[in-house]
PDB file of N, CA and C in Angstrom:
ATOM      1  N   MET A   1      19.385  -5.318   7.803  1.00  0.00           N
ATOM      2  CA  MET A   1      20.013  -4.295   7.003  1.00  0.00           C
ATOM      3  C   MET A   1      19.761  -4.588   5.532  1.00  0.00           C
ATOM      4  N   MET A   2      19.567  -3.523   4.799  1.00  0.00           N
ATOM      5  CA  MET A   2      19.344  -3.665   3.367  1.00  0.00           C
ATOM      6  C   MET A   2      20.684  -3.659   2.637  1.00  0.00           C
ATOM      7  N   LYS A   3      20.780  -4.467   1.652  1.00  0.00           N
ATOM      8  CA  LYS A   3      21.994  -4.517   0.832  1.00  0.00           C
ATOM      9  C   LYS A   3      21.623  -4.175  -0.604  1.00  0.00           C
ATOM     10  N   SER A   4      22.504  -3.491  -1.284  1.00  0.00           N
ATOM     11  CA  SER A   4      22.256  -3.152  -2.682  1.00  0.00           C
ATOM     12  C   SER A   4      22.887  -4.207  -3.576  1.00  0.00           C
ATOM     13  N   THR A   5      22.373  -4.299  -4.785  1.00  0.00           N
ATOM     14  CA  THR A   5      22.885  -5.302  -5.715  1.00  0.00           C
ATOM     15  C   THR A   5      24.089  -4.796  -6.500  1.00  0.00           C
ATOM     16  N   ASP A   6      24.287  -3.487  -6.542  1.00  0.00           N
ATOM     17  CA  ASP A   6      25.445  -2.953  -7.265  1.00  0.00           C
ATOM     18  C   ASP A   6      26.503  -2.470  -6.272  1.00  0.00           C
ATOM     19  N   ASP A   7      27.484  -1.759  -6.756  1.00  0.00           N
ATOM     20  CA  ASP A   7      28.588  -1.308  -5.907  1.00  0.00           C
ATOM     21  C   ASP A   7      28.271  -0.049  -5.099  1.00  0.00           C
ATOM     22  N   VAL A   8      27.138   0.589  -5.356  1.00  0.00           N
ATOM     23  CA  VAL A   8      26.767   1.817  -4.648  1.00  0.00           C
ATOM     24  C   VAL A   8      26.045   1.437  -3.364  1.00  0.00           C
ATOM     25  N   PRO A   9      26.540   1.871  -2.231  1.00  0.00           N
ATOM     26  CA  PRO A   9      25.866   1.514  -0.971  1.00  0.00           C
ATOM     27  C   PRO A   9      24.573   2.297  -0.793  1.00  0.00           C
ATOM     28  N   LEU A  10      23.651   1.751  -0.038  1.00  0.00           N
ATOM     29  CA  LEU A  10      22.411   2.429   0.282  1.00  0.00           C
ATOM     30  C   LEU A  10      22.663   3.503   1.334  1.00  0.00           C
ATOM     31  N   VAL A  11      21.688   4.398   1.511  1.00  0.00           N
ATOM     32  CA  VAL A  11      21.841   5.488   2.477  1.00  0.00           C
ATOM     33  C   VAL A  11      21.984   4.936   3.889  1.00  0.00           C
ATOM     34  N   GLU A  12      21.240   3.879   4.196  1.00  0.00           N
ATOM     35  CA  GLU A  12      21.310   3.317   5.534  1.00  0.00           C
ATOM     36  C   GLU A  12      22.690   2.739   5.835  1.00  0.00           C
ATOM     37  N   ASP A  13      23.388   2.266   4.806  1.00  0.00           N
ATOM     38  CA  ASP A  13      24.693   1.637   4.999  1.00  0.00           C
ATOM     39  C   ASP A  13      25.844   2.633   4.938  1.00  0.00           C
ATOM     40  N   SER A  14      25.579   3.842   4.475  1.00  0.00           N
ATOM     41  CA  SER A  14      26.672   4.798   4.289  1.00  0.00           C
ATOM     42  C   SER A  14      26.994   5.514   5.600  1.00  0.00           C
ATOM     43  N   GLU A  15      28.008   6.321   5.569  1.00  0.00           N
ATOM     44  CA  GLU A  15      28.470   7.044   6.756  1.00  0.00           C
ATOM     45  C   GLU A  15      27.680   8.330   7.020  1.00  0.00           C
ATOM     46  N   GLN A  16      26.785   8.728   6.094  1.00  0.00           N
ATOM     47  CA  GLN A  16      26.048   9.984   6.260  1.00  0.00           C
ATOM     48  C   GLN A  16      24.972   9.829   7.327  1.00  0.00           C
ATOM     49  N   THR A  17      24.796  10.888   8.093  1.00  0.00           N
ATOM     50  CA  THR A  17      23.749  10.893   9.109  1.00  0.00           C
ATOM     51  C   THR A  17      22.560  11.690   8.602  1.00  0.00           C
ATOM     52  N   ALA A  18      21.472  11.642   9.324  1.00  0.00           N
ATOM     53  CA  ALA A  18      20.262  12.365   8.931  1.00  0.00           C
ATOM     54  C   ALA A  18      20.473  13.871   9.012  1.00  0.00           C
ATOM     55  N   ASN A  19      21.377  14.334   9.836  1.00  0.00           N
ATOM     56  CA  ASN A  19      21.606  15.772   9.989  1.00  0.00           C
ATOM     57  C   ASN A  19      22.259  16.394   8.761  1.00  0.00           C
ATOM     58  N   ASP A  20      22.888  15.598   7.928  1.00  0.00           N
ATOM     59  CA  ASP A  20      23.539  16.131   6.732  1.00  0.00           C
ATOM     60  C   ASP A  20      22.531  16.695   5.735  1.00  0.00           C
ATOM     61  N   TYR A  21      21.291  16.247   5.785  1.00  0.00           N
ATOM     62  CA  TYR A  21      20.292  16.662   4.827  1.00  0.00           C
ATOM     63  C   TYR A  21      19.374  17.757   5.358  1.00  0.00           C
ATOM     64  N   ARG A  22      19.521  18.136   6.585  1.00  0.00           N
ATOM     65  CA  ARG A  22      18.654  19.160   7.162  1.00  0.00           C
ATOM     66  C   ARG A  22      19.162  20.542   6.814  1.00  0.00           C
ATOM     67  N   LEU A  23      18.203  21.465   6.682  1.00  0.00           N
ATOM     68  CA  LEU A  23      18.562  22.853   6.432  1.00  0.00           C
ATOM     69  C   LEU A  23      18.977  23.511   7.736  1.00  0.00           C
ATOM     70  N   THR A  24      19.929  24.388   7.645  1.00  0.00           N
ATOM     71  CA  THR A  24      20.318  25.121   8.836  1.00  0.00           C
ATOM     72  C   THR A  24      19.288  26.205   9.109  1.00  0.00           C
ATOM     73  N   ILE A  25      19.347  26.796  10.281  1.00  0.00           N
ATOM     74  CA  ILE A  25      18.390  27.832  10.672  1.00  0.00           C
ATOM     75  C   ILE A  25      18.506  29.044   9.750  1.00  0.00           C
ATOM     76  N   TRP A  26      19.712  29.328   9.262  1.00  0.00           N
ATOM     77  CA  TRP A  26      19.900  30.479   8.367  1.00  0.00           C
ATOM     78  C   TRP A  26      19.222  30.242   7.027  1.00  0.00           C
ATOM     79  N   HIS A  27      19.261  29.004   6.545  1.00  0.00           N
ATOM     80  CA  HIS A  27      18.561  28.690   5.301  1.00  0.00           C
ATOM     81  C   HIS A  27      17.050  28.824   5.486  1.00  0.00           C
ATOM     82  N   LYS A  28      16.559  28.366   6.628  1.00  0.00           N
ATOM     83  CA  LYS A  28      15.128  28.471   6.896  1.00  0.00           C
ATOM     84  C   LYS A  28      14.695  29.928   6.971  1.00  0.00           C
ATOM     85  N   ILE A  29      15.481  30.756   7.643  1.00  0.00           N
ATOM     86  CA  ILE A  29      15.160  32.183   7.740  1.00  0.00           C
ATOM     87  C   ILE A  29      15.204  32.824   6.354  1.00  0.00           C
ATOM     88  N   LEU A  30      16.199  32.469   5.565  1.00  0.00           N
ATOM     89  CA  LEU A  30      16.326  33.020   4.216  1.00  0.00           C
ATOM     90  C   LEU A  30      15.124  32.645   3.353  1.00  0.00           C
ATOM     91  N   PHE A  31      14.709  31.385   3.372  1.00  0.00           N
ATOM     92  CA  PHE A  31      13.558  30.960   2.586  1.00  0.00           C
ATOM     93  C   PHE A  31      12.269  31.601   3.096  1.00  0.00           C
ATOM     94  N   TYR A  32      12.135  31.763   4.404  1.00  0.00           N
ATOM     95  CA  TYR A  32      10.962  32.426   4.965  1.00  0.00           C
ATOM     96  C   TYR A  32      10.894  33.874   4.489  1.00  0.00           C
ATOM     97  N   MET A  33      12.015  34.582   4.554  1.00  0.00           N
ATOM     98  CA  MET A  33      12.045  35.983   4.130  1.00  0.00           C
ATOM     99  C   MET A  33      11.782  36.103   2.632  1.00  0.00           C
ATOM    100  N   LEU A  34      12.292  35.177   1.856  1.00  0.00           N
ATOM    101  CA  LEU A  34      12.042  35.179   0.417  1.00  0.00           C
ATOM    102  C   LEU A  34      10.552  34.982   0.124  1.00  0.00           C
ATOM    103  N   GLY A  35       9.938  34.059   0.818  1.00  0.00           N
ATOM    104  CA  GLY A  35       8.505  33.825   0.651  1.00  0.00           C
ATOM    105  C   GLY A  35       7.673  35.013   1.084  1.00  0.00           C
ATOM    106  N   LEU A  36       8.048  35.621   2.203  1.00  0.00           N
ATOM    107  CA  LEU A  36       7.334  36.793   2.698  1.00  0.00           C
ATOM    108  C   LEU A  36       7.466  37.957   1.726  1.00  0.00           C
ATOM    109  N   THR A  37       8.657  38.171   1.209  1.00  0.00           N
ATOM    110  CA  THR A  37       8.880  39.241   0.241  1.00  0.00           C
ATOM    111  C   THR A  37       8.069  39.004  -1.029  1.00  0.00           C
ATOM    112  N   SER A  38       8.022  37.779  -1.482  1.00  0.00           N
ATOM    113  CA  SER A  38       7.237  37.449  -2.676  1.00  0.00           C
ATOM    114  C   SER A  38       5.750  37.707  -2.446  1.00  0.00           C
ATOM    115  N   ALA A  39       5.252  37.299  -1.294  1.00  0.00           N
ATOM    116  CA  ALA A  39       3.830  37.498  -0.990  1.00  0.00           C
ATOM    117  C   ALA A  39       3.495  38.985  -0.912  1.00  0.00           C
ATOM    118  N   LEU A  40       4.342  39.770  -0.271  1.00  0.00           N
ATOM    119  CA  LEU A  40       4.089  41.209  -0.173  1.00  0.00           C
ATOM    120  C   LEU A  40       4.163  41.885  -1.540  1.00  0.00           C
ATOM    121  N   THR A  41       5.091  41.444  -2.371  1.00  0.00           N
ATOM    122  CA  THR A  41       5.192  42.002  -3.725  1.00  0.00           C
ATOM    123  C   THR A  41       3.933  41.717  -4.524  1.00  0.00           C
ATOM    124  N   ILE A  42       3.417  40.515  -4.412  1.00  0.00           N
ATOM    125  CA  ILE A  42       2.189  40.160  -5.122  1.00  0.00           C
ATOM    126  C   ILE A  42       1.024  41.005  -4.623  1.00  0.00           C
ATOM    127  N   CYS A  43       0.924  41.210  -3.321  1.00  0.00           N
ATOM    128  CA  CYS A  43      -0.155  42.039  -2.767  1.00  0.00           C
ATOM    129  C   CYS A  43      -0.065  43.480  -3.264  1.00  0.00           C
ATOM    130  N   VAL A  44       1.138  44.028  -3.304  1.00  0.00           N
ATOM    131  CA  VAL A  44       1.316  45.402  -3.782  1.00  0.00           C
ATOM    132  C   VAL A  44       0.951  45.507  -5.258  1.00  0.00           C
ATOM    133  N   LEU A  45       1.354  44.535  -6.059  1.00  0.00           N
ATOM    134  CA  LEU A  45       1.021  44.565  -7.480  1.00  0.00           C
ATOM    135  C   LEU A  45      -0.484  44.451  -7.719  1.00  0.00           C
ATOM    136  N   ILE A  46      -1.158  43.632  -6.936  1.00  0.00           N
ATOM    137  CA  ILE A  46      -2.618  43.519  -7.063  1.00  0.00           C
ATOM    138  C   ILE A  46      -3.278  44.837  -6.685  1.00  0.00           C
ATOM    139  N   ARG A  47      -2.798  45.464  -5.628  1.00  0.00           N
ATOM    140  CA  ARG A  47      -3.380  46.748  -5.201  1.00  0.00           C
ATOM    141  C   ARG A  47      -3.172  47.826  -6.262  1.00  0.00           C
ATOM    142  N   LEU A  48      -1.970  47.885  -6.839  1.00  0.00           N
ATOM    143  CA  LEU A  48      -1.712  48.857  -7.900  1.00  0.00           C
ATOM    144  C   LEU A  48      -2.579  48.590  -9.125  1.00  0.00           C
ATOM    145  N   SER A  49      -2.760  47.331  -9.455  1.00  0.00           N
ATOM    146  CA  SER A  49      -3.598  46.975 -10.591  1.00  0.00           C
ATOM    147  C   SER A  49      -5.040  47.415 -10.358  1.00  0.00           C
ATOM    148  N   ASN A  50      -5.544  47.207  -9.151  1.00  0.00           N
ATOM    149  CA  ASN A  50      -6.909  47.633  -8.836  1.00  0.00           C
ATOM    150  C   ASN A  50      -7.047  49.145  -8.899  1.00  0.00           C
ATOM    151  N   LYS A  51      -6.029  49.880  -8.430  1.00  0.00           N
ATOM    152  CA  LYS A  51      -6.074  51.339  -8.499  1.00  0.00           C
ATOM    153  C   LYS A  51      -6.081  51.821  -9.943  1.00  0.00           C
ATOM    154  N   LEU A  52      -5.239  51.215 -10.779  1.00  0.00           N
ATOM    155  CA  LEU A  52      -5.200  51.603 -12.186  1.00  0.00           C
ATOM    156  C   LEU A  52      -6.531  51.312 -12.875  1.00  0.00           C
ATOM    157  N   ALA A  53      -7.138  50.191 -12.557  1.00  0.00           N
ATOM    158  CA  ALA A  53      -8.426  49.846 -13.154  1.00  0.00           C
ATOM    159  C   ALA A  53      -9.505  50.821 -12.694  1.00  0.00           C
ATOM    160  N   ALA A  54      -9.481  51.197 -11.426  1.00  0.00           N
ATOM    161  CA  ALA A  54     -10.473  52.151 -10.914  1.00  0.00           C
ATOM    162  C   ALA A  54     -10.281  53.531 -11.545  1.00  0.00           C
ATOM    163  N   ASP A  55      -9.038  53.962 -11.708  1.00  0.00           N
ATOM    164  CA  ASP A  55      -8.768  55.250 -12.352  1.00  0.00           C
ATOM    165  C   ASP A  55      -9.231  55.239 -13.805  1.00  0.00           C
ATOM    166  N   ALA A  56      -8.972  54.149 -14.501  1.00  0.00           N
ATOM    167  CA  ALA A  56      -9.390  54.037 -15.892  1.00  0.00           C
ATOM    168  C   ALA A  56     -10.916  54.051 -16.001  1.00  0.00           C
ATOM    169  N   GLU A  57     -11.585  53.388 -15.076  1.00  0.00           N
ATOM    170  CA  GLU A  57     -13.049  53.385 -15.090  1.00  0.00           C
ATOM    171  C   GLU A  57     -13.594  54.786 -14.818  1.00  0.00           C
ATOM    172  N   HIS A  58     -12.990  55.494 -13.891  1.00  0.00           N
ATOM    173  CA  HIS A  58     -13.423  56.861 -13.573  1.00  0.00           C
ATOM    174  C   HIS A  58     -13.225  57.783 -14.782  1.00  0.00           C
ATOM    175  N   LYS A  59     -12.075  57.689 -15.443  1.00  0.00           N
ATOM    176  CA  LYS A  59     -11.831  58.512 -16.632  1.00  0.00           C
ATOM    177  C   LYS A  59     -12.806  58.168 -17.749  1.00  0.00           C
ATOM    178  N   ALA A  60     -13.131  56.903 -17.901  1.00  0.00           N
ATOM    179  CA  ALA A  60     -14.088  56.500 -18.936  1.00  0.00           C
ATOM    180  C   ALA A  60     -15.472  57.063 -18.648  1.00  0.00           C
ATOM    181  N   MET A  61     -15.863  57.067 -17.378  1.00  0.00           N
ATOM    182  CA  MET A  61     -17.170  57.629 -17.025  1.00  0.00           C
ATOM    183  C   MET A  61     -17.207  59.135 -17.284  1.00  0.00           C
ATOM    184  N   LEU A  62     -16.123  59.833 -16.943  1.00  0.00           N
ATOM    185  CA  LEU A  62     -16.073  61.270 -17.212  1.00  0.00           C
ATOM    186  C   LEU A  62     -16.135  61.540 -18.713  1.00  0.00           C
ATOM    187  N   HIS A  63     -15.433  60.749 -19.487  1.00  0.00           N
ATOM    188  CA  HIS A  63     -15.447  60.902 -20.938  1.00  0.00           C
ATOM    189  C   HIS A  63     -16.841  60.627 -21.484  1.00  0.00           C
ATOM    190  N   PHE A  64     -17.508  59.587 -20.963  1.00  0.00           N
ATOM    191  CA  PHE A  64     -18.865  59.267 -21.404  1.00  0.00           C
ATOM    192  C   PHE A  64     -19.831  60.403 -21.070  1.00  0.00           C
ATOM    193  N   LYS A  65     -19.711  60.977 -19.866  1.00  0.00           N
ATOM    194  CA  LYS A  65     -20.582  62.099 -19.490  1.00  0.00           C
ATOM    195  C   LYS A  65     -20.342  63.307 -20.386  1.00  0.00           C
ATOM    196  N   GLU A  66     -19.075  63.562 -20.707  1.00  0.00           N
ATOM    197  CA  GLU A  66     -18.747  64.691 -21.582  1.00  0.00           C
ATOM    198  C   GLU A  66     -19.342  64.501 -22.971  1.00  0.00           C
ATOM    199  N   ILE A  67     -19.222  63.294 -23.502  1.00  0.00           N
ATOM    200  CA  ILE A  67     -19.786  63.010 -24.830  1.00  0.00           C
ATOM    201  C   ILE A  67     -21.310  63.103 -24.795  1.00  0.00           C
ATOM    202  N   SER A  68     -21.918  62.574 -23.745  1.00  0.00           N
ATOM    203  CA  SER A  68     -23.384  62.609 -23.671  1.00  0.00           C
ATOM    204  C   SER A  68     -23.885  64.042 -23.511  1.00  0.00           C
ATOM    205  N   ASN A  69     -23.134  64.890 -22.823  1.00  0.00           N
ATOM    206  CA  ASN A  69     -23.536  66.287 -22.707  1.00  0.00           C
ATOM    207  C   ASN A  69     -23.453  66.994 -24.058  1.00  0.00           C
ATOM    208  N   ARG A  70     -22.425  66.700 -24.837  1.00  0.00           N
ATOM    209  CA  ARG A  70     -22.297  67.305 -26.179  1.00  0.00           C
ATOM    210  C   ARG A  70     -23.429  66.871 -27.077  1.00  0.00           C
ATOM    211  N   ILE A  71     -23.773  65.604 -27.043  1.00  0.00           N
ATOM    212  CA  ILE A  71     -24.860  65.101 -27.884  1.00  0.00           C
ATOM    213  C   ILE A  71     -26.182  65.696 -27.438  1.00  0.00           C
ATOM    214  N   GLY A  72     -26.392  65.829 -26.142  1.00  0.00           N
ATOM    215  CA  GLY A  72     -27.647  66.401 -25.624  1.00  0.00           C
ATOM    216  C   GLY A  72     -27.816  67.848 -26.022  1.00  0.00           C
ATOM    217  N   HIS A  73     -26.742  68.610 -26.086  1.00  0.00           N
ATOM    218  CA  HIS A  73     -26.843  70.025 -26.463  1.00  0.00           C
ATOM    219  C   HIS A  73     -27.117  70.192 -27.939  1.00  0.00           C
ATOM    220  N   LYS A  74     -26.756  69.243 -28.772  1.00  0.00           N
ATOM    221  CA  LYS A  74     -27.041  69.339 -30.203  1.00  0.00           C
ATOM    222  C   LYS A  74     -28.551  69.315 -30.461  1.00  0.00           C
ATOM    223  N   PHE A  75     -29.263  68.542 -29.663  1.00  0.00           N
ATOM    224  CA  PHE A  75     -30.685  68.369 -29.904  1.00  0.00           C
ATOM    225  C   PHE A  75     -31.554  69.321 -29.092  1.00  0.00           C
ATOM    226  N   ASP A  76     -30.931  70.231 -28.323  1.00  0.00           N
ATOM    227  CA  ASP A  76     -31.698  71.177 -27.523  1.00  0.00           C
ATOM    228  C   ASP A  76     -32.329  72.265 -28.388  1.00  0.00           C
ATOM    229  N   ASN A  77     -31.834  72.550 -29.582  1.00  0.00           N
ATOM    230  CA  ASN A  77     -32.329  73.650 -30.419  1.00  0.00           C
ATOM    231  C   ASN A  77     -33.743  73.454 -30.783  1.00  0.00           C
TER     232      ASN A  77
END
């Protein structure tokens, strides 16, 4: 048995059992659901970000085509 040098007993010498430090099944379910919710939120945010970037790229291309058509018509005369 291990003995401590001060007045505080070691874990092995105390009355606490190993079960006192384990998470209950409800805590495990809660942490699992929290992790799952976080992962799904991140996936949704990435998908929305990609959609916004694609929409912005499409609008930029339309704007570029419109400008290029205006410039092309100036020199048609």
